[in-house]
């Protein structure tokens, strides 16, 4: 799904209306599975009730059942920075083509939260989709970093 500039601004306003910084899920990378779906889905927590879908929807939605992504606490940004990185990422990736193995919700969610555009679910097929052997998207990190350097350098590491 490609978003126009107006849609990106609308999504940013929705994020700002839905965030609750006192929520345990605020600014955290979350994942969940839908019934009868073998894939894990990823997004950024906004509140106890809302998640920003970093997948096809690129929008907030209501969902109470989600898990914290394990093993990233030592590399994750602070929640406030993650929310700001999420808003900036919309400007950069709003028109990127979503593909399950090549550029997906896990790549974008992890890039926003940890600065690593990695998808463990795609890692086994890395050579088919121009990923690194670790499952990283090859250009997303550099593109996002260069954008942030121009508009919000403090959001880079």
C-alpha atoms as a PDB file:
ATOM      1  CA  UNK A   1       0.000   0.000   0.000  1.00  0.00           C
ATOM      2  CA  UNK A   2       1.430   3.321  -1.026  1.00  0.00           C
ATOM      3  CA  UNK A   3       0.551   6.383   1.045  1.00  0.00           C
ATOM      4  CA  UNK A   4       0.307   9.934  -0.277  1.00  0.00           C
ATOM      5  CA  UNK A   5       1.887  12.845   1.603  1.00  0.00           C
ATOM      6  CA  UNK A   6      -1.569  13.722   2.963  1.00  0.00           C
ATOM      7  CA  UNK A   7      -2.115  10.147   4.158  1.00  0.00           C
ATOM      8  CA  UNK A   8       1.290  10.132   5.868  1.00  0.00           C
ATOM      9  CA  UNK A   9       0.376  13.326   7.728  1.00  0.00           C
ATOM     10  CA  UNK A  10      -2.986  11.795   8.692  1.00  0.00           C
ATOM     11  CA  UNK A  11      -1.228   8.669  10.044  1.00  0.00           C
ATOM     12  CA  UNK A  12       1.146  10.828  12.083  1.00  0.00           C
ATOM     13  CA  UNK A  13      -1.800  12.694  13.612  1.00  0.00           C
ATOM     14  CA  UNK A  14      -3.470   9.353  14.415  1.00  0.00           C
ATOM     15  CA  UNK A  15      -0.286   8.171  16.142  1.00  0.00           C
ATOM     16  CA  UNK A  16      -0.149  11.366  18.195  1.00  0.00           C
ATOM     17  CA  UNK A  17      -3.802  10.968  19.231  1.00  0.00           C
ATOM     18  CA  UNK A  18      -3.463   7.307  20.193  1.00  0.00           C
ATOM     19  CA  UNK A  19      -0.136   7.215  22.063  1.00  0.00           C
ATOM     20  CA  UNK A  20      -0.173   6.748  25.805  1.00  0.00           C
ATOM     21  CA  UNK A  21       3.314   7.103  27.249  1.00  0.00           C
ATOM     22  CA  UNK A  22       2.229   5.464  30.522  1.00  0.00           C
ATOM     23  CA  UNK A  23       1.393   2.217  28.702  1.00  0.00           C
ATOM     24  CA  UNK A  24       3.866  -0.635  29.041  1.00  0.00           C
ATOM     25  CA  UNK A  25       3.491  -1.192  25.279  1.00  0.00           C
ATOM     26  CA  UNK A  26       4.240   2.436  24.325  1.00  0.00           C
ATOM     27  CA  UNK A  27       7.119   2.623  21.853  1.00  0.00           C
ATOM     28  CA  UNK A  28       7.861  -1.092  22.030  1.00  0.00           C
ATOM     29  CA  UNK A  29       8.255  -3.554  19.173  1.00  0.00           C
ATOM     30  CA  UNK A  30       5.382  -6.034  19.389  1.00  0.00           C
ATOM     31  CA  UNK A  31       4.450  -9.169  17.497  1.00  0.00           C
ATOM     32  CA  UNK A  32       1.377 -11.363  17.186  1.00  0.00           C
ATOM     33  CA  UNK A  33      -0.119 -14.138  15.108  1.00  0.00           C
ATOM     34  CA  UNK A  34      -3.569 -14.131  13.609  1.00  0.00           C
ATOM     35  CA  UNK A  35      -5.638 -17.327  13.834  1.00  0.00           C
ATOM     36  CA  UNK A  36      -4.720 -19.845  11.118  1.00  0.00           C
ATOM     37  CA  UNK A  37      -1.826 -17.649   9.949  1.00  0.00           C
ATOM     38  CA  UNK A  38       1.673 -19.164  10.158  1.00  0.00           C
ATOM     39  CA  UNK A  39       3.448 -15.795  10.048  1.00  0.00           C
ATOM     40  CA  UNK A  40       4.270 -13.451  12.872  1.00  0.00           C
ATOM     41  CA  UNK A  41       3.172  -9.847  12.366  1.00  0.00           C
ATOM     42  CA  UNK A  42       5.063  -6.861  13.766  1.00  0.00           C
ATOM     43  CA  UNK A  43       4.215  -3.347  14.836  1.00  0.00           C
ATOM     44  CA  UNK A  44       4.994  -0.564  17.268  1.00  0.00           C
ATOM     45  CA  UNK A  45       2.941  -0.295  20.444  1.00  0.00           C
ATOM     46  CA  UNK A  46       1.102   2.978  20.906  1.00  0.00           C
ATOM     47  CA  UNK A  47      -0.989   2.189  23.991  1.00  0.00           C
ATOM     48  CA  UNK A  48      -2.581  -0.701  25.863  1.00  0.00           C
ATOM     49  CA  UNK A  49      -5.141  -0.995  23.086  1.00  0.00           C
ATOM     50  CA  UNK A  50      -3.464   0.207  19.872  1.00  0.00           C
ATOM     51  CA  UNK A  51      -0.534  -0.891  17.716  1.00  0.00           C
ATOM     52  CA  UNK A  52       0.877   0.721  14.603  1.00  0.00           C
ATOM     53  CA  UNK A  53       0.973  -1.910  11.849  1.00  0.00           C
ATOM     54  CA  UNK A  54       4.362  -1.721  10.118  1.00  0.00           C
ATOM     55  CA  UNK A  55       3.080  -4.063   7.419  1.00  0.00           C
ATOM     56  CA  UNK A  56       0.684  -3.641   4.534  1.00  0.00           C
ATOM     57  CA  UNK A  57      -1.651  -1.340   6.427  1.00  0.00           C
ATOM     58  CA  UNK A  58       0.853   1.223   7.691  1.00  0.00           C
ATOM     59  CA  UNK A  59      -1.794   2.380  10.131  1.00  0.00           C
ATOM     60  CA  UNK A  60      -2.815   2.123  13.776  1.00  0.00           C
ATOM     61  CA  UNK A  61      -5.308  -0.535  14.742  1.00  0.00           C
ATOM     62  CA  UNK A  62      -6.850  -1.857  17.909  1.00  0.00           C
ATOM     63  CA  UNK A  63      -5.412  -5.066  19.333  1.00  0.00           C
ATOM     64  CA  UNK A  64      -4.961  -6.013  22.941  1.00  0.00           C
ATOM     65  CA  UNK A  65      -3.213  -9.360  22.427  1.00  0.00           C
ATOM     66  CA  UNK A  66       0.420  -8.948  21.417  1.00  0.00           C
ATOM     67  CA  UNK A  67       3.819  -9.968  22.737  1.00  0.00           C
ATOM     68  CA  UNK A  68       6.963  -7.969  23.338  1.00  0.00           C
ATOM     69  CA  UNK A  69       9.649  -9.019  20.872  1.00  0.00           C
ATOM     70  CA  UNK A  70      12.188 -10.930  22.933  1.00  0.00           C
ATOM     71  CA  UNK A  71      15.927 -10.352  22.858  1.00  0.00           C
ATOM     72  CA  UNK A  72      16.027  -6.741  21.669  1.00  0.00           C
ATOM     73  CA  UNK A  73      15.967  -4.724  24.894  1.00  0.00           C
ATOM     74  CA  UNK A  74      19.741  -4.173  24.815  1.00  0.00           C
ATOM     75  CA  UNK A  75      19.634  -2.737  21.261  1.00  0.00           C
ATOM     76  CA  UNK A  76      16.230  -1.027  21.205  1.00  0.00           C
ATOM     77  CA  UNK A  77      15.862   2.727  21.321  1.00  0.00           C
ATOM     78  CA  UNK A  78      13.981   4.406  24.145  1.00  0.00           C
ATOM     79  CA  UNK A  79      10.197   4.360  23.556  1.00  0.00           C
ATOM     80  CA  UNK A  80       9.970   8.111  22.870  1.00  0.00           C
ATOM     81  CA  UNK A  81      12.629   7.844  20.162  1.00  0.00           C
ATOM     82  CA  UNK A  82      10.935   4.787  18.662  1.00  0.00           C
ATOM     83  CA  UNK A  83       7.678   6.703  18.303  1.00  0.00           C
ATOM     84  CA  UNK A  84       9.520   9.610  16.662  1.00  0.00           C
ATOM     85  CA  UNK A  85      11.406   7.210  14.372  1.00  0.00           C
ATOM     86  CA  UNK A  86       8.083   5.611  13.446  1.00  0.00           C
ATOM     87  CA  UNK A  87       6.683   8.977  12.364  1.00  0.00           C
ATOM     88  CA  UNK A  88       9.788   9.747  10.294  1.00  0.00           C
ATOM     89  CA  UNK A  89       9.812   6.250   8.770  1.00  0.00           C
ATOM     90  CA  UNK A  90       6.394   6.903   7.292  1.00  0.00           C
ATOM     91  CA  UNK A  91       7.866   9.689   5.176  1.00  0.00           C
ATOM     92  CA  UNK A  92      10.593   7.385   3.872  1.00  0.00           C
ATOM     93  CA  UNK A  93       8.838   4.052   3.408  1.00  0.00           C
ATOM     94  CA  UNK A  94       5.252   5.067   2.583  1.00  0.00           C
ATOM     95  CA  UNK A  95       5.650   4.025  -1.039  1.00  0.00           C
ATOM     96  CA  UNK A  96       7.859   0.964  -0.661  1.00  0.00           C
ATOM     97  CA  UNK A  97       6.401  -2.217  -2.090  1.00  0.00           C
ATOM     98  CA  UNK A  98       5.430  -4.652   0.641  1.00  0.00           C
ATOM     99  CA  UNK A  99       6.430  -8.246  -0.051  1.00  0.00           C
ATOM    100  CA  UNK A 100       6.273 -10.992   2.518  1.00  0.00           C
ATOM    101  CA  UNK A 101       9.907 -12.111   2.201  1.00  0.00           C
ATOM    102  CA  UNK A 102      11.660  -9.037   0.757  1.00  0.00           C
ATOM    103  CA  UNK A 103      10.299  -5.972   2.617  1.00  0.00           C
ATOM    104  CA  UNK A 104       7.763  -6.587   5.329  1.00  0.00           C
ATOM    105  CA  UNK A 105       6.450  -5.611   8.748  1.00  0.00           C
ATOM    106  CA  UNK A 106       9.328  -7.281  10.566  1.00  0.00           C
ATOM    107  CA  UNK A 107      11.962  -5.456   8.484  1.00  0.00           C
ATOM    108  CA  UNK A 108      10.338  -2.070   9.082  1.00  0.00           C
ATOM    109  CA  UNK A 109       9.413  -2.666  12.724  1.00  0.00           C
ATOM    110  CA  UNK A 110      12.911  -3.797  13.631  1.00  0.00           C
ATOM    111  CA  UNK A 111      14.489  -0.929  11.677  1.00  0.00           C
ATOM    112  CA  UNK A 112      12.400   1.586  13.609  1.00  0.00           C
ATOM    113  CA  UNK A 113      12.970  -0.006  17.014  1.00  0.00           C
ATOM    114  CA  UNK A 114      16.547  -1.318  16.731  1.00  0.00           C
ATOM    115  CA  UNK A 115      18.097   0.267  13.618  1.00  0.00           C
ATOM    116  CA  UNK A 116      18.390  -3.184  12.015  1.00  0.00           C
ATOM    117  CA  UNK A 117      16.062  -3.910   9.043  1.00  0.00           C
ATOM    118  CA  UNK A 118      16.031  -7.627   9.793  1.00  0.00           C
ATOM    119  CA  UNK A 119      13.459 -10.340   9.187  1.00  0.00           C
ATOM    120  CA  UNK A 120      14.190 -13.671  10.802  1.00  0.00           C
ATOM    121  CA  UNK A 121      11.220 -15.194   8.982  1.00  0.00           C
ATOM    122  CA  UNK A 122      12.867 -14.404   5.589  1.00  0.00           C
ATOM    123  CA  UNK A 123      16.389 -15.341   6.594  1.00  0.00           C
ATOM    124  CA  UNK A 124      16.265 -18.863   5.147  1.00  0.00           C
ATOM    125  CA  UNK A 125      15.476 -17.438   1.703  1.00  0.00           C
ATOM    126  CA  UNK A 126      17.852 -14.468   1.868  1.00  0.00           C
ATOM    127  CA  UNK A 127      19.540 -15.243  -1.464  1.00  0.00           C
ATOM    128  CA  UNK A 128      16.223 -15.176  -3.365  1.00  0.00           C
ATOM    129  CA  UNK A 129      15.208 -11.723  -2.160  1.00  0.00           C
ATOM    130  CA  UNK A 130      18.462  -9.738  -2.172  1.00  0.00           C
ATOM    131  CA  UNK A 131      18.797  -9.788   1.606  1.00  0.00           C
ATOM    132  CA  UNK A 132      21.937 -10.316   3.643  1.00  0.00           C
ATOM    133  CA  UNK A 133      22.456 -13.836   5.064  1.00  0.00           C
ATOM    134  CA  UNK A 134      21.150 -12.468   8.392  1.00  0.00           C
ATOM    135  CA  UNK A 135      17.862 -11.471   6.742  1.00  0.00           C
ATOM    136  CA  UNK A 136      18.603  -7.730   6.613  1.00  0.00           C
ATOM    137  CA  UNK A 137      17.261  -5.568   3.811  1.00  0.00           C
ATOM    138  CA  UNK A 138      20.369  -4.279   2.027  1.00  0.00           C
ATOM    139  CA  UNK A 139      19.462  -0.613   1.509  1.00  0.00           C
ATOM    140  CA  UNK A 140      16.741   0.320   4.014  1.00  0.00           C
ATOM    141  CA  UNK A 141      19.165   1.161   6.816  1.00  0.00           C
ATOM    142  CA  UNK A 142      21.291   3.526   4.716  1.00  0.00           C
ATOM    143  CA  UNK A 143      18.255   5.244   3.195  1.00  0.00           C
ATOM    144  CA  UNK A 144      16.575   5.762   6.580  1.00  0.00           C
ATOM    145  CA  UNK A 145      19.815   6.903   8.221  1.00  0.00           C
ATOM    146  CA  UNK A 146      20.499   9.448   5.457  1.00  0.00           C
ATOM    147  CA  UNK A 147      16.953  10.809   5.722  1.00  0.00           C
ATOM    148  CA  UNK A 148      17.175  11.149   9.506  1.00  0.00           C
ATOM    149  CA  UNK A 149      20.548  12.867   9.205  1.00  0.00           C
ATOM    150  CA  UNK A 150      18.823  15.627   7.214  1.00  0.00           C
ATOM    151  CA  UNK A 151      15.598  16.035   9.219  1.00  0.00           C
ATOM    152  CA  UNK A 152      16.201  14.678  12.742  1.00  0.00           C
ATOM    153  CA  UNK A 153      19.830  13.664  13.401  1.00  0.00           C
ATOM    154  CA  UNK A 154      19.124  12.951  17.069  1.00  0.00           C
ATOM    155  CA  UNK A 155      17.029   9.943  16.021  1.00  0.00           C
ATOM    156  CA  UNK A 156      20.079   8.169  14.582  1.00  0.00           C
ATOM    157  CA  UNK A 157      22.335   6.173  16.878  1.00  0.00           C
END
